C-alpha cells in the first residue's frame, strides 16, 4: 500500500510540474536573405520584409506555411521601387506555431534570384 501511495504522489507531482511549466517563447530575429532582410518581432507577432535600397531593382518575397497543416500560405513581398520601407504582416492568433519561411530575393545588378528557407516558432 505504501508503494501505491508513493507512485500516486510521484505521478501527481509530475503532472503538476508540467501544468505549471512556463510556455516556450519564440524569439525575435533578423535574417539577411541576400538582397534584403526578414525580421520577426515576437512581442508584436509582426513579420517584416525589407528589400535592400540599392541601385537598380531589388525585391524580397517570403511565403509562410505551417508544416503538416493544410491552408493558404501567407505571402509578404517588398521591393525597393514601390515601397521605400518594409512591408509587414501580423501573425496574430498563431502563438506557439511553427512556420516554414521560404524566401526569394532578387537584385537587378546580379540578375539572379536567391532562394532559401528556414523554420521559426511564433
PDB file of N, CA and C in Angstrom:
ATOM      1  N   UNK A   1       0.819  -1.184   0.000  1.00  0.00           N
ATOM      2  CA  UNK A   1       0.000   0.000   0.000  1.00  0.00           C
ATOM      3  C   UNK A   1       0.867   1.254   0.000  1.00  0.00           C
ATOM      4  N   UNK A   2       1.987   1.229   0.718  1.00  0.00           N
ATOM      5  CA  UNK A   2       2.883   2.374   0.727  1.00  0.00           C
ATOM      6  C   UNK A   2       3.435   2.656  -0.666  1.00  0.00           C
ATOM      7  N   UNK A   3       3.740   1.603  -1.401  1.00  0.00           N
ATOM      8  CA  UNK A   3       4.289   1.751  -2.742  1.00  0.00           C
ATOM      9  C   UNK A   3       3.278   2.445  -3.653  1.00  0.00           C
ATOM     10  N   UNK A   4       2.007   2.077  -3.586  1.00  0.00           N
ATOM     11  CA  UNK A   4       0.970   2.688  -4.407  1.00  0.00           C
ATOM     12  C   UNK A   4       0.834   4.172  -4.076  1.00  0.00           C
ATOM     13  N   UNK A   5       0.918   4.518  -2.807  1.00  0.00           N
ATOM     14  CA  UNK A   5       0.812   5.906  -2.386  1.00  0.00           C
ATOM     15  C   UNK A   5       1.985   6.717  -2.941  1.00  0.00           C
ATOM     16  N   UNK A   6       3.206   6.158  -2.906  1.00  0.00           N
ATOM     17  CA  UNK A   6       4.383   6.853  -3.414  1.00  0.00           C
ATOM     18  C   UNK A   6       4.283   7.066  -4.920  1.00  0.00           C
ATOM     19  N   UNK A   7       3.809   6.066  -5.654  1.00  0.00           N
ATOM     20  CA  UNK A   7       3.660   6.183  -7.105  1.00  0.00           C
ATOM     21  C   UNK A   7       2.622   7.247  -7.434  1.00  0.00           C
ATOM     22  N   UNK A   8       1.503   7.246  -6.706  1.00  0.00           N
ATOM     23  CA  UNK A   8       0.441   8.224  -6.948  1.00  0.00           C
ATOM     24  C   UNK A   8       0.942   9.646  -6.693  1.00  0.00           C
ATOM     25  N   UNK A   9       1.666   9.857  -5.617  1.00  0.00           N
ATOM     26  CA  UNK A   9       2.223  11.172  -5.303  1.00  0.00           C
ATOM     27  C   UNK A   9       3.237  11.578  -6.365  1.00  0.00           C
ATOM     28  N   UNK A  10       4.060  10.651  -6.802  1.00  0.00           N
ATOM     29  CA  UNK A  10       5.058  10.941  -7.834  1.00  0.00           C
ATOM     30  C   UNK A  10       4.413  11.344  -9.150  1.00  0.00           C
ATOM     31  N   UNK A  11       3.371  10.619  -9.561  1.00  0.00           N
ATOM     32  CA  UNK A  11       2.662  10.946 -10.805  1.00  0.00           C
ATOM     33  C   UNK A  11       1.984  12.306 -10.680  1.00  0.00           C
ATOM     34  N   UNK A  12       1.367  12.574  -9.549  1.00  0.00           N
ATOM     35  CA  UNK A  12       0.703  13.859  -9.338  1.00  0.00           C
ATOM     36  C   UNK A  12       1.705  15.008  -9.401  1.00  0.00           C
ATOM     37  N   UNK A  13       2.872  14.814  -8.820  1.00  0.00           N
ATOM     38  CA  UNK A  13       3.909  15.855  -8.850  1.00  0.00           C
ATOM     39  C   UNK A  13       4.392  16.094 -10.277  1.00  0.00           C
ATOM     40  N   UNK A  14       4.544  15.041 -11.043  1.00  0.00           N
ATOM     41  CA  UNK A  14       4.992  15.179 -12.431  1.00  0.00           C
ATOM     42  C   UNK A  14       3.953  15.924 -13.266  1.00  0.00           C
ATOM     43  N   UNK A  15       2.695  15.593 -13.089  1.00  0.00           N
ATOM     44  CA  UNK A  15       1.624  16.263 -13.834  1.00  0.00           C
ATOM     45  C   UNK A  15       1.559  17.735 -13.439  1.00  0.00           C
ATOM     46  N   UNK A  16       1.669  18.032 -12.160  1.00  0.00           N
ATOM     47  CA  UNK A  16       1.633  19.421 -11.692  1.00  0.00           C
ATOM     48  C   UNK A  16       2.801  20.218 -12.256  1.00  0.00           C
ATOM     49  N   UNK A  17       3.982  19.626 -12.326  1.00  0.00           N
ATOM     50  CA  UNK A  17       5.134  20.364 -12.848  1.00  0.00           C
ATOM     51  C   UNK A  17       4.962  20.660 -14.334  1.00  0.00           C
ATOM     52  N   UNK A  18       4.349  19.754 -15.077  1.00  0.00           N
ATOM     53  CA  UNK A  18       4.090  20.016 -16.496  1.00  0.00           C
ATOM     54  C   UNK A  18       3.060  21.121 -16.656  1.00  0.00           C
ATOM     55  N   UNK A  19       2.035  21.101 -15.826  1.00  0.00           N
ATOM     56  CA  UNK A  19       0.985  22.109 -15.922  1.00  0.00           C
ATOM     57  C   UNK A  19       1.496  23.497 -15.555  1.00  0.00           C
ATOM     58  N   UNK A  20       2.448  23.575 -14.648  1.00  0.00           N
ATOM     59  CA  UNK A  20       2.953  24.859 -14.187  1.00  0.00           C
ATOM     60  C   UNK A  20       4.175  25.340 -14.966  1.00  0.00           C
ATOM     61  N   UNK A  21       4.698  24.516 -15.843  1.00  0.00           N
ATOM     62  CA  UNK A  21       5.885  24.909 -16.598  1.00  0.00           C
ATOM     63  C   UNK A  21       5.565  26.106 -17.484  1.00  0.00           C
ATOM     64  N   UNK A  22       6.515  27.004 -17.600  1.00  0.00           N
ATOM     65  CA  UNK A  22       6.325  28.182 -18.443  1.00  0.00           C
ATOM     66  C   UNK A  22       6.256  27.757 -19.903  1.00  0.00           C
ATOM     67  N   UNK A  23       5.357  28.365 -20.676  1.00  0.00           N
ATOM     68  CA  UNK A  23       5.270  28.016 -22.094  1.00  0.00           C
ATOM     69  C   UNK A  23       6.533  28.440 -22.829  1.00  0.00           C
ATOM     70  N   UNK A  24       6.870  27.705 -23.862  1.00  0.00           N
ATOM     71  CA  UNK A  24       8.048  28.054 -24.655  1.00  0.00           C
ATOM     72  C   UNK A  24       7.762  29.344 -25.414  1.00  0.00           C
ATOM     73  N   UNK A  25       8.697  30.263 -25.382  1.00  0.00           N
ATOM     74  CA  UNK A  25       8.525  31.524 -26.072  1.00  0.00           C
ATOM     75  C   UNK A  25       9.350  31.524 -27.350  1.00  0.00           C
ATOM     76  N   UNK A  26       8.788  32.134 -28.366  1.00  0.00           N
ATOM     77  CA  UNK A  26       9.523  32.297 -29.610  1.00  0.00           C
ATOM     78  C   UNK A  26      10.538  33.421 -29.411  1.00  0.00           C
ATOM     79  N   UNK A  27      11.433  33.526 -30.323  1.00  0.00           N
ATOM     80  CA  UNK A  27      12.433  34.573 -30.240  1.00  0.00           C
ATOM     81  C   UNK A  27      12.318  35.476 -31.462  1.00  0.00           C
ATOM     82  N   UNK A  28      12.496  36.740 -31.233  1.00  0.00           N
ATOM     83  CA  UNK A  28      12.562  37.682 -32.341  1.00  0.00           C
ATOM     84  C   UNK A  28      13.851  37.415 -33.109  1.00  0.00           C
ATOM     85  N   UNK A  29      13.831  37.716 -34.400  1.00  0.00           N
ATOM     86  CA  UNK A  29      15.047  37.515 -35.192  1.00  0.00           C
ATOM     87  C   UNK A  29      15.094  38.511 -36.338  1.00  0.00           C
ATOM     88  N   UNK A  30      16.271  38.632 -36.896  1.00  0.00           N
ATOM     89  CA  UNK A  30      16.517  39.417 -38.100  1.00  0.00           C
ATOM     90  C   UNK A  30      17.451  38.583 -38.958  1.00  0.00           C
ATOM     91  N   UNK A  31      17.019  38.253 -40.175  1.00  0.00           N
ATOM     92  CA  UNK A  31      17.799  37.351 -41.026  1.00  0.00           C
ATOM     93  C   UNK A  31      18.092  38.014 -42.369  1.00  0.00           C
ATOM     94  N   UNK A  32      19.365  38.048 -42.731  1.00  0.00           N
ATOM     95  CA  UNK A  32      19.788  38.547 -44.038  1.00  0.00           C
ATOM     96  C   UNK A  32      19.501  37.459 -45.062  1.00  0.00           C
ATOM     97  N   UNK A  33      18.777  37.823 -46.129  1.00  0.00           N
ATOM     98  CA  UNK A  33      18.429  36.828 -47.145  1.00  0.00           C
ATOM     99  C   UNK A  33      19.013  37.185 -48.513  1.00  0.00           C
ATOM    100  N   UNK A  34      20.134  37.854 -48.508  1.00  0.00           N
ATOM    101  CA  UNK A  34      20.829  38.154 -49.754  1.00  0.00           C
ATOM    102  C   UNK A  34      20.588  39.567 -50.239  1.00  0.00           C
ATOM    103  N   UNK A  35      19.372  39.901 -50.612  1.00  0.00           N
ATOM    104  CA  UNK A  35      19.063  41.218 -51.164  1.00  0.00           C
ATOM    105  C   UNK A  35      18.092  41.985 -50.275  1.00  0.00           C
ATOM    106  N   UNK A  36      18.072  41.628 -49.015  1.00  0.00           N
ATOM    107  CA  UNK A  36      17.211  42.290 -48.044  1.00  0.00           C
ATOM    108  C   UNK A  36      17.198  41.503 -46.749  1.00  0.00           C
ATOM    109  N   UNK A  37      16.228  41.827 -45.902  1.00  0.00           N
ATOM    110  CA  UNK A  37      16.128  41.141 -44.615  1.00  0.00           C
ATOM    111  C   UNK A  37      14.686  40.725 -44.336  1.00  0.00           C
ATOM    112  N   UNK A  38      14.582  39.699 -43.517  1.00  0.00           N
ATOM    113  CA  UNK A  38      13.301  39.276 -42.959  1.00  0.00           C
ATOM    114  C   UNK A  38      13.476  39.387 -41.454  1.00  0.00           C
ATOM    115  N   UNK A  39      12.542  40.055 -40.785  1.00  0.00           N
ATOM    116  CA  UNK A  39      12.644  40.175 -39.330  1.00  0.00           C
ATOM    117  C   UNK A  39      11.300  39.848 -38.700  1.00  0.00           C
ATOM    118  N   UNK A  40      11.384  39.254 -37.510  1.00  0.00           N
ATOM    119  CA  UNK A  40      10.189  38.883 -36.760  1.00  0.00           C
ATOM    120  C   UNK A  40      10.301  39.449 -35.356  1.00  0.00           C
ATOM    121  N   UNK A  41       9.246  40.128 -34.910  1.00  0.00           N
ATOM    122  CA  UNK A  41       9.177  40.676 -33.563  1.00  0.00           C
ATOM    123  C   UNK A  41       8.160  39.838 -32.791  1.00  0.00           C
ATOM    124  N   UNK A  42       8.640  39.007 -31.882  1.00  0.00           N
ATOM    125  CA  UNK A  42       7.747  38.106 -31.148  1.00  0.00           C
ATOM    126  C   UNK A  42       6.775  38.864 -30.252  1.00  0.00           C
ATOM    127  N   UNK A  43       7.190  39.994 -29.709  1.00  0.00           N
ATOM    128  CA  UNK A  43       6.315  40.754 -28.807  1.00  0.00           C
ATOM    129  C   UNK A  43       5.079  41.280 -29.516  1.00  0.00           C
ATOM    130  N   UNK A  44       5.207  41.612 -30.806  1.00  0.00           N
ATOM    131  CA  UNK A  44       4.075  42.154 -31.563  1.00  0.00           C
ATOM    132  C   UNK A  44       3.530  41.169 -32.600  1.00  0.00           C
ATOM    133  N   UNK A  45       4.151  39.989 -32.723  1.00  0.00           N
ATOM    134  CA  UNK A  45       3.769  38.983 -33.732  1.00  0.00           C
ATOM    135  C   UNK A  45       3.833  39.554 -35.150  1.00  0.00           C
ATOM    136  N   UNK A  46       4.809  40.408 -35.402  1.00  0.00           N
ATOM    137  CA  UNK A  46       4.922  41.071 -36.693  1.00  0.00           C
ATOM    138  C   UNK A  46       6.118  40.537 -37.473  1.00  0.00           C
ATOM    139  N   UNK A  47       5.875  40.131 -38.719  1.00  0.00           N
ATOM    140  CA  UNK A  47       6.934  39.684 -39.620  1.00  0.00           C
ATOM    141  C   UNK A  47       7.066  40.732 -40.711  1.00  0.00           C
ATOM    142  N   UNK A  48       8.284  41.237 -40.905  1.00  0.00           N
ATOM    143  CA  UNK A  48       8.531  42.283 -41.893  1.00  0.00           C
ATOM    144  C   UNK A  48       9.566  41.824 -42.908  1.00  0.00           C
ATOM    145  N   UNK A  49       9.403  42.308 -44.125  1.00  0.00           N
ATOM    146  CA  UNK A  49      10.312  42.022 -45.225  1.00  0.00           C
ATOM    147  C   UNK A  49      10.789  43.366 -45.762  1.00  0.00           C
ATOM    148  N   UNK A  50      12.091  43.503 -45.954  1.00  0.00           N
ATOM    149  CA  UNK A  50      12.664  44.750 -46.447  1.00  0.00           C
ATOM    150  C   UNK A  50      13.698  44.453 -47.517  1.00  0.00           C
ATOM    151  N   UNK A  51      13.445  44.952 -48.734  1.00  0.00           N
ATOM    152  CA  UNK A  51      14.415  44.819 -49.815  1.00  0.00           C
ATOM    153  C   UNK A  51      15.507  45.861 -49.632  1.00  0.00           C
ATOM    154  N   UNK A  52      16.734  45.501 -50.023  1.00  0.00           N
ATOM    155  CA  UNK A  52      17.854  46.435 -49.920  1.00  0.00           C
ATOM    156  C   UNK A  52      17.592  47.680 -50.761  1.00  0.00           C
ATOM    157  N   UNK A  53      18.058  48.816 -50.273  1.00  0.00           N
ATOM    158  CA  UNK A  53      17.964  50.072 -51.006  1.00  0.00           C
ATOM    159  C   UNK A  53      19.246  50.228 -51.811  1.00  0.00           C
ATOM    160  N   UNK A  54      19.241  49.656 -53.005  1.00  0.00           N
ATOM    161  CA  UNK A  54      20.430  49.641 -53.863  1.00  0.00           C
ATOM    162  C   UNK A  54      20.092  50.260 -55.205  1.00  0.00           C
ATOM    163  N   UNK A  55      21.116  50.505 -56.017  1.00  0.00           N
ATOM    164  CA  UNK A  55      20.889  50.970 -57.378  1.00  0.00           C
ATOM    165  C   UNK A  55      20.265  49.831 -58.173  1.00  0.00           C
ATOM    166  N   UNK A  56      19.216  50.119 -58.876  1.00  0.00           N
ATOM    167  CA  UNK A  56      18.503  49.086 -59.614  1.00  0.00           C
ATOM    168  C   UNK A  56      17.338  48.567 -58.787  1.00  0.00           C
ATOM    169  N   UNK A  57      16.759  47.509 -59.253  1.00  0.00           N
ATOM    170  CA  UNK A  57      15.600  46.917 -58.601  1.00  0.00           C
ATOM    171  C   UNK A  57      16.030  45.782 -57.679  1.00  0.00           C
ATOM    172  N   UNK A  58      15.466  45.772 -56.491  1.00  0.00           N
ATOM    173  CA  UNK A  58      15.669  44.662 -55.559  1.00  0.00           C
ATOM    174  C   UNK A  58      14.318  44.334 -54.944  1.00  0.00           C
ATOM    175  N   UNK A  59      14.081  43.051 -54.716  1.00  0.00           N
ATOM    176  CA  UNK A  59      12.862  42.636 -54.026  1.00  0.00           C
ATOM    177  C   UNK A  59      13.116  41.396 -53.194  1.00  0.00           C
ATOM    178  N   UNK A  60      12.286  41.237 -52.183  1.00  0.00           N
ATOM    179  CA  UNK A  60      12.326  40.063 -51.313  1.00  0.00           C
ATOM    180  C   UNK A  60      10.888  39.621 -51.103  1.00  0.00           C
ATOM    181  N   UNK A  61      10.671  38.329 -51.229  1.00  0.00           N
ATOM    182  CA  UNK A  61       9.341  37.753 -51.000  1.00  0.00           C
ATOM    183  C   UNK A  61       9.480  36.554 -50.087  1.00  0.00           C
ATOM    184  N   UNK A  62       8.627  36.477 -49.060  1.00  0.00           N
ATOM    185  CA  UNK A  62       8.630  35.331 -48.157  1.00  0.00           C
ATOM    186  C   UNK A  62       7.236  34.710 -48.177  1.00  0.00           C
ATOM    187  N   UNK A  63       7.211  33.387 -48.235  1.00  0.00           N
ATOM    188  CA  UNK A  63       5.959  32.633 -48.186  1.00  0.00           C
ATOM    189  C   UNK A  63       5.982  31.791 -46.927  1.00  0.00           C
ATOM    190  N   UNK A  64       4.994  32.007 -46.065  1.00  0.00           N
ATOM    191  CA  UNK A  64       4.900  31.277 -44.805  1.00  0.00           C
ATOM    192  C   UNK A  64       3.881  30.165 -44.909  1.00  0.00           C
ATOM    193  N   UNK A  65       4.300  28.975 -44.534  1.00  0.00           N
ATOM    194  CA  UNK A  65       3.394  27.831 -44.445  1.00  0.00           C
ATOM    195  C   UNK A  65       3.571  27.196 -43.077  1.00  0.00           C
ATOM    196  N   UNK A  66       2.599  26.400 -42.693  1.00  0.00           N
ATOM    197  CA  UNK A  66       2.685  25.669 -41.433  1.00  0.00           C
ATOM    198  C   UNK A  66       2.862  24.200 -41.784  1.00  0.00           C
ATOM    199  N   UNK A  67       4.055  23.645 -41.548  1.00  0.00           N
ATOM    200  CA  UNK A  67       4.320  22.246 -41.907  1.00  0.00           C
ATOM    201  C   UNK A  67       3.259  21.306 -41.331  1.00  0.00           C
ATOM    202  N   UNK A  68       2.747  20.435 -42.184  1.00  0.00           N
ATOM    203  CA  UNK A  68       1.760  19.450 -41.762  1.00  0.00           C
ATOM    204  C   UNK A  68       0.348  19.995 -41.653  1.00  0.00           C
ATOM    205  N   UNK A  69       0.141  21.247 -42.063  1.00  0.00           N
ATOM    206  CA  UNK A  69      -1.176  21.866 -41.960  1.00  0.00           C
ATOM    207  C   UNK A  69      -1.634  22.317 -43.338  1.00  0.00           C
ATOM    208  N   UNK A  70      -2.870  22.025 -43.660  1.00  0.00           N
ATOM    209  CA  UNK A  70      -3.451  22.472 -44.920  1.00  0.00           C
ATOM    210  C   UNK A  70      -4.006  23.872 -44.707  1.00  0.00           C
ATOM    211  N   UNK A  71      -3.777  24.735 -45.644  1.00  0.00           N
ATOM    212  CA  UNK A  71      -4.283  26.105 -45.549  1.00  0.00           C
ATOM    213  C   UNK A  71      -3.543  27.000 -46.509  1.00  0.00           C
ATOM    214  N   UNK A  72      -4.064  28.186 -46.657  1.00  0.00           N
ATOM    215  CA  UNK A  72      -3.438  29.153 -47.560  1.00  0.00           C
ATOM    216  C   UNK A  72      -2.163  29.705 -46.947  1.00  0.00           C
ATOM    217  N   UNK A  73      -1.115  29.822 -47.752  1.00  0.00           N
ATOM    218  CA  UNK A  73       0.121  30.411 -47.237  1.00  0.00           C
ATOM    219  C   UNK A  73      -0.041  31.917 -47.075  1.00  0.00           C
ATOM    220  N   UNK A  74       0.818  32.499 -46.263  1.00  0.00           N
ATOM    221  CA  UNK A  74       0.892  33.948 -46.106  1.00  0.00           C
ATOM    222  C   UNK A  74       2.088  34.405 -46.935  1.00  0.00           C
ATOM    223  N   UNK A  75       1.864  35.361 -47.829  1.00  0.00           N
ATOM    224  CA  UNK A  75       2.938  35.863 -48.687  1.00  0.00           C
ATOM    225  C   UNK A  75       3.141  37.346 -48.390  1.00  0.00           C
ATOM    226  N   UNK A  76       4.384  37.719 -48.113  1.00  0.00           N
ATOM    227  CA  UNK A  76       4.730  39.115 -47.866  1.00  0.00           C
ATOM    228  C   UNK A  76       5.876  39.465 -48.804  1.00  0.00           C
ATOM    229  N   UNK A  77       5.720  40.572 -49.546  1.00  0.00           N
ATOM    230  CA  UNK A  77       6.718  40.946 -50.557  1.00  0.00           C
ATOM    231  C   UNK A  77       7.023  42.438 -50.445  1.00  0.00           C
ATOM    232  N   UNK A  78       8.284  42.768 -50.581  1.00  0.00           N
ATOM    233  CA  UNK A  78       8.712  44.160 -50.616  1.00  0.00           C
ATOM    234  C   UNK A  78       9.650  44.353 -51.789  1.00  0.00           C
ATOM    235  N   UNK A  79       9.547  45.512 -52.425  1.00  0.00           N
ATOM    236  CA  UNK A  79      10.551  45.865 -53.424  1.00  0.00           C
ATOM    237  C   UNK A  79      10.977  47.313 -53.186  1.00  0.00           C
ATOM    238  N   UNK A  80      12.181  47.631 -53.621  1.00  0.00           N
ATOM    239  CA  UNK A  80      12.740  48.944 -53.322  1.00  0.00           C
ATOM    240  C   UNK A  80      12.236  50.033 -54.256  1.00  0.00           C
ATOM    241  N   UNK A  81      11.408  49.691 -55.230  1.00  0.00           N
ATOM    242  CA  UNK A  81      10.868  50.688 -56.144  1.00  0.00           C
ATOM    243  C   UNK A  81       9.507  51.182 -55.646  1.00  0.00           C
ATOM    244  N   UNK A  82       8.617  50.271 -55.305  1.00  0.00           N
ATOM    245  CA  UNK A  82       7.257  50.640 -54.887  1.00  0.00           C
ATOM    246  C   UNK A  82       7.145  50.984 -53.408  1.00  0.00           C
ATOM    247  N   UNK A  83       8.020  50.442 -52.585  1.00  0.00           N
ATOM    248  CA  UNK A  83       7.929  50.635 -51.137  1.00  0.00           C
ATOM    249  C   UNK A  83       9.283  51.097 -50.593  1.00  0.00           C
ATOM    250  N   UNK A  84       9.361  52.330 -50.097  1.00  0.00           N
ATOM    251  CA  UNK A  84      10.642  52.778 -49.545  1.00  0.00           C
ATOM    252  C   UNK A  84      10.985  52.124 -48.208  1.00  0.00           C
ATOM    253  N   UNK A  85      10.023  51.569 -47.517  1.00  0.00           N
ATOM    254  CA  UNK A  85      10.261  50.919 -46.229  1.00  0.00           C
ATOM    255  C   UNK A  85       9.840  49.467 -46.282  1.00  0.00           C
ATOM    256  N   UNK A  86       9.791  48.850 -45.132  1.00  0.00           N
ATOM    257  CA  UNK A  86       9.443  47.433 -45.040  1.00  0.00           C
ATOM    258  C   UNK A  86       7.945  47.210 -45.232  1.00  0.00           C
ATOM    259  N   UNK A  87       7.606  46.017 -45.674  1.00  0.00           N
ATOM    260  CA  UNK A  87       6.221  45.564 -45.734  1.00  0.00           C
ATOM    261  C   UNK A  87       6.069  44.519 -44.633  1.00  0.00           C
ATOM    262  N   UNK A  88       5.043  44.691 -43.792  1.00  0.00           N
ATOM    263  CA  UNK A  88       4.898  43.828 -42.622  1.00  0.00           C
ATOM    264  C   UNK A  88       3.524  43.159 -42.603  1.00  0.00           C
ATOM    265  N   UNK A  89       3.479  42.037 -41.926  1.00  0.00           N
ATOM    266  CA  UNK A  89       2.227  41.330 -41.710  1.00  0.00           C
ATOM    267  C   UNK A  89       2.158  40.845 -40.274  1.00  0.00           C
ATOM    268  N   UNK A  90       0.954  40.786 -39.731  1.00  0.00           N
ATOM    269  CA  UNK A  90       0.761  40.315 -38.365  1.00  0.00           C
ATOM    270  C   UNK A  90       0.403  38.839 -38.361  1.00  0.00           C
ATOM    271  N   UNK A  91       1.033  38.091 -37.481  1.00  0.00           N
ATOM    272  CA  UNK A  91       0.755  36.666 -37.330  1.00  0.00           C
ATOM    273  C   UNK A  91      -0.040  36.450 -36.052  1.00  0.00           C
ATOM    274  N   UNK A  92      -1.086  37.228 -35.860  1.00  0.00           N
ATOM    275  CA  UNK A  92      -1.895  37.122 -34.646  1.00  0.00           C
ATOM    276  C   UNK A  92      -2.694  35.817 -34.669  1.00  0.00           C
ATOM    277  N   UNK A  93      -2.927  35.299 -33.503  1.00  0.00           N
ATOM    278  CA  UNK A  93      -3.670  34.050 -33.392  1.00  0.00           C
ATOM    279  C   UNK A  93      -2.831  32.817 -33.647  1.00  0.00           C
ATOM    280  N   UNK A  94      -1.529  32.983 -33.781  1.00  0.00           N
ATOM    281  CA  UNK A  94      -0.660  31.855 -34.096  1.00  0.00           C
ATOM    282  C   UNK A  94       0.466  31.691 -33.084  1.00  0.00           C
ATOM    283  N   UNK A  95       0.249  32.047 -31.828  1.00  0.00           N
ATOM    284  CA  UNK A  95       1.301  31.878 -30.818  1.00  0.00           C
ATOM    285  C   UNK A  95       1.677  30.412 -30.661  1.00  0.00           C
ATOM    286  N   UNK A  96       2.958  30.159 -30.616  1.00  0.00           N
ATOM    287  CA  UNK A  96       3.448  28.801 -30.425  1.00  0.00           C
ATOM    288  C   UNK A  96       3.356  27.920 -31.656  1.00  0.00           C
ATOM    289  N   UNK A  97       3.228  28.521 -32.817  1.00  0.00           N
ATOM    290  CA  UNK A  97       3.095  27.779 -34.071  1.00  0.00           C
ATOM    291  C   UNK A  97       4.435  27.790 -34.806  1.00  0.00           C
ATOM    292  N   UNK A  98       4.792  26.672 -35.396  1.00  0.00           N
ATOM    293  CA  UNK A  98       5.995  26.596 -36.212  1.00  0.00           C
ATOM    294  C   UNK A  98       5.646  26.947 -37.652  1.00  0.00           C
ATOM    295  N   UNK A  99       6.386  27.878 -38.210  1.00  0.00           N
ATOM    296  CA  UNK A  99       6.216  28.279 -39.602  1.00  0.00           C
ATOM    297  C   UNK A  99       7.450  27.893 -40.403  1.00  0.00           C
ATOM    298  N   UNK A 100       7.240  27.562 -41.660  1.00  0.00           N
ATOM    299  CA  UNK A 100       8.338  27.421 -42.614  1.00  0.00           C
ATOM    300  C   UNK A 100       8.301  28.677 -43.471  1.00  0.00           C
ATOM    301  N   UNK A 101       9.414  29.395 -43.497  1.00  0.00           N
ATOM    302  CA  UNK A 101       9.541  30.600 -44.304  1.00  0.00           C
ATOM    303  C   UNK A 101      10.397  30.274 -45.521  1.00  0.00           C
ATOM    304  N   UNK A 102       9.786  30.272 -46.696  1.00  0.00           N
ATOM    305  CA  UNK A 102      10.517  30.077 -47.947  1.00  0.00           C
ATOM    306  C   UNK A 102      10.657  31.458 -48.588  1.00  0.00           C
ATOM    307  N   UNK A 103      11.876  31.823 -48.938  1.00  0.00           N
ATOM    308  CA  UNK A 103      12.073  33.175 -49.459  1.00  0.00           C
ATOM    309  C   UNK A 103      12.792  33.166 -50.794  1.00  0.00           C
ATOM    310  N   UNK A 104      12.595  34.281 -51.507  1.00  0.00           N
ATOM    311  CA  UNK A 104      13.324  34.576 -52.728  1.00  0.00           C
ATOM    312  C   UNK A 104      13.757  36.028 -52.636  1.00  0.00           C
ATOM    313  N   UNK A 105      14.955  36.307 -53.103  1.00  0.00           N
ATOM    314  CA  UNK A 105      15.409  37.698 -53.159  1.00  0.00           C
ATOM    315  C   UNK A 105      16.097  37.921 -54.503  1.00  0.00           C
ATOM    316  N   UNK A 106      15.986  39.156 -54.975  1.00  0.00           N
ATOM    317  CA  UNK A 106      16.493  39.484 -56.311  1.00  0.00           C
ATOM    318  C   UNK A 106      17.086  40.884 -56.307  1.00  0.00           C
ATOM    319  N   UNK A 107      18.167  41.048 -57.035  1.00  0.00           N
ATOM    320  CA  UNK A 107      18.747  42.354 -57.306  1.00  0.00           C
ATOM    321  C   UNK A 107      19.114  42.387 -58.783  1.00  0.00           C
ATOM    322  N   UNK A 108      18.653  43.438 -59.483  1.00  0.00           N
ATOM    323  CA  UNK A 108      18.860  43.524 -60.930  1.00  0.00           C
ATOM    324  C   UNK A 108      20.339  43.608 -61.308  1.00  0.00           C
ATOM    325  N   UNK A 109      21.190  44.128 -60.422  1.00  0.00           N
ATOM    326  CA  UNK A 109      22.626  44.203 -60.708  1.00  0.00           C
ATOM    327  C   UNK A 109      23.274  42.836 -60.832  1.00  0.00           C
ATOM    328  N   UNK A 110      22.725  41.846 -60.183  1.00  0.00           N
ATOM    329  CA  UNK A 110      23.237  40.478 -60.259  1.00  0.00           C
ATOM    330  C   UNK A 110      22.452  39.683 -61.291  1.00  0.00           C
ATOM    331  N   UNK A 111      21.148  39.939 -61.345  1.00  0.00           N
ATOM    332  CA  UNK A 111      20.304  39.306 -62.347  1.00  0.00           C
ATOM    333  C   UNK A 111      19.843  37.893 -62.023  1.00  0.00           C
ATOM    334  N   UNK A 112      20.066  37.430 -60.821  1.00  0.00           N
ATOM    335  CA  UNK A 112      19.615  36.083 -60.446  1.00  0.00           C
ATOM    336  C   UNK A 112      18.798  36.150 -59.156  1.00  0.00           C
ATOM    337  N   UNK A 113      18.004  35.130 -58.947  1.00  0.00           N
ATOM    338  CA  UNK A 113      17.169  35.027 -57.747  1.00  0.00           C
ATOM    339  C   UNK A 113      17.853  34.091 -56.755  1.00  0.00           C
ATOM    340  N   UNK A 114      17.960  34.541 -55.519  1.00  0.00           N
ATOM    341  CA  UNK A 114      18.473  33.701 -54.433  1.00  0.00           C
ATOM    342  C   UNK A 114      17.281  33.086 -53.713  1.00  0.00           C
ATOM    343  N   UNK A 115      17.357  31.806 -53.380  1.00  0.00           N
ATOM    344  CA  UNK A 115      16.262  31.125 -52.693  1.00  0.00           C
ATOM    345  C   UNK A 115      16.769  30.423 -51.443  1.00  0.00           C
ATOM    346  N   UNK A 116      15.884  30.279 -50.485  1.00  0.00           N
ATOM    347  CA  UNK A 116      16.224  29.560 -49.265  1.00  0.00           C
ATOM    348  C   UNK A 116      14.999  29.389 -48.410  1.00  0.00           C
ATOM    349  N   UNK A 117      15.166  28.717 -47.289  1.00  0.00           N
ATOM    350  CA  UNK A 117      14.058  28.544 -46.352  1.00  0.00           C
ATOM    351  C   UNK A 117      14.611  28.289 -44.964  1.00  0.00           C
ATOM    352  N   UNK A 118      13.773  28.532 -43.970  1.00  0.00           N
ATOM    353  CA  UNK A 118      14.101  28.263 -42.578  1.00  0.00           C
ATOM    354  C   UNK A 118      12.789  28.141 -41.820  1.00  0.00           C
ATOM    355  N   UNK A 119      12.855  27.576 -40.634  1.00  0.00           N
ATOM    356  CA  UNK A 119      11.681  27.468 -39.785  1.00  0.00           C
ATOM    357  C   UNK A 119      11.853  28.344 -38.565  1.00  0.00           C
ATOM    358  N   UNK A 120      10.730  28.847 -38.056  1.00  0.00           N
ATOM    359  CA  UNK A 120      10.747  29.602 -36.803  1.00  0.00           C
ATOM    360  C   UNK A 120       9.435  29.361 -36.081  1.00  0.00           C
ATOM    361  N   UNK A 121       9.439  29.647 -34.795  1.00  0.00           N
ATOM    362  CA  UNK A 121       8.269  29.447 -33.944  1.00  0.00           C
ATOM    363  C   UNK A 121       7.737  30.816 -33.517  1.00  0.00           C
ATOM    364  N   UNK A 122       6.436  31.000 -33.685  1.00  0.00           N
ATOM    365  CA  UNK A 122       5.827  32.288 -33.320  1.00  0.00           C
ATOM    366  C   UNK A 122       5.481  32.334 -31.853  1.00  0.00           C
TER     367      UNK A 122
END
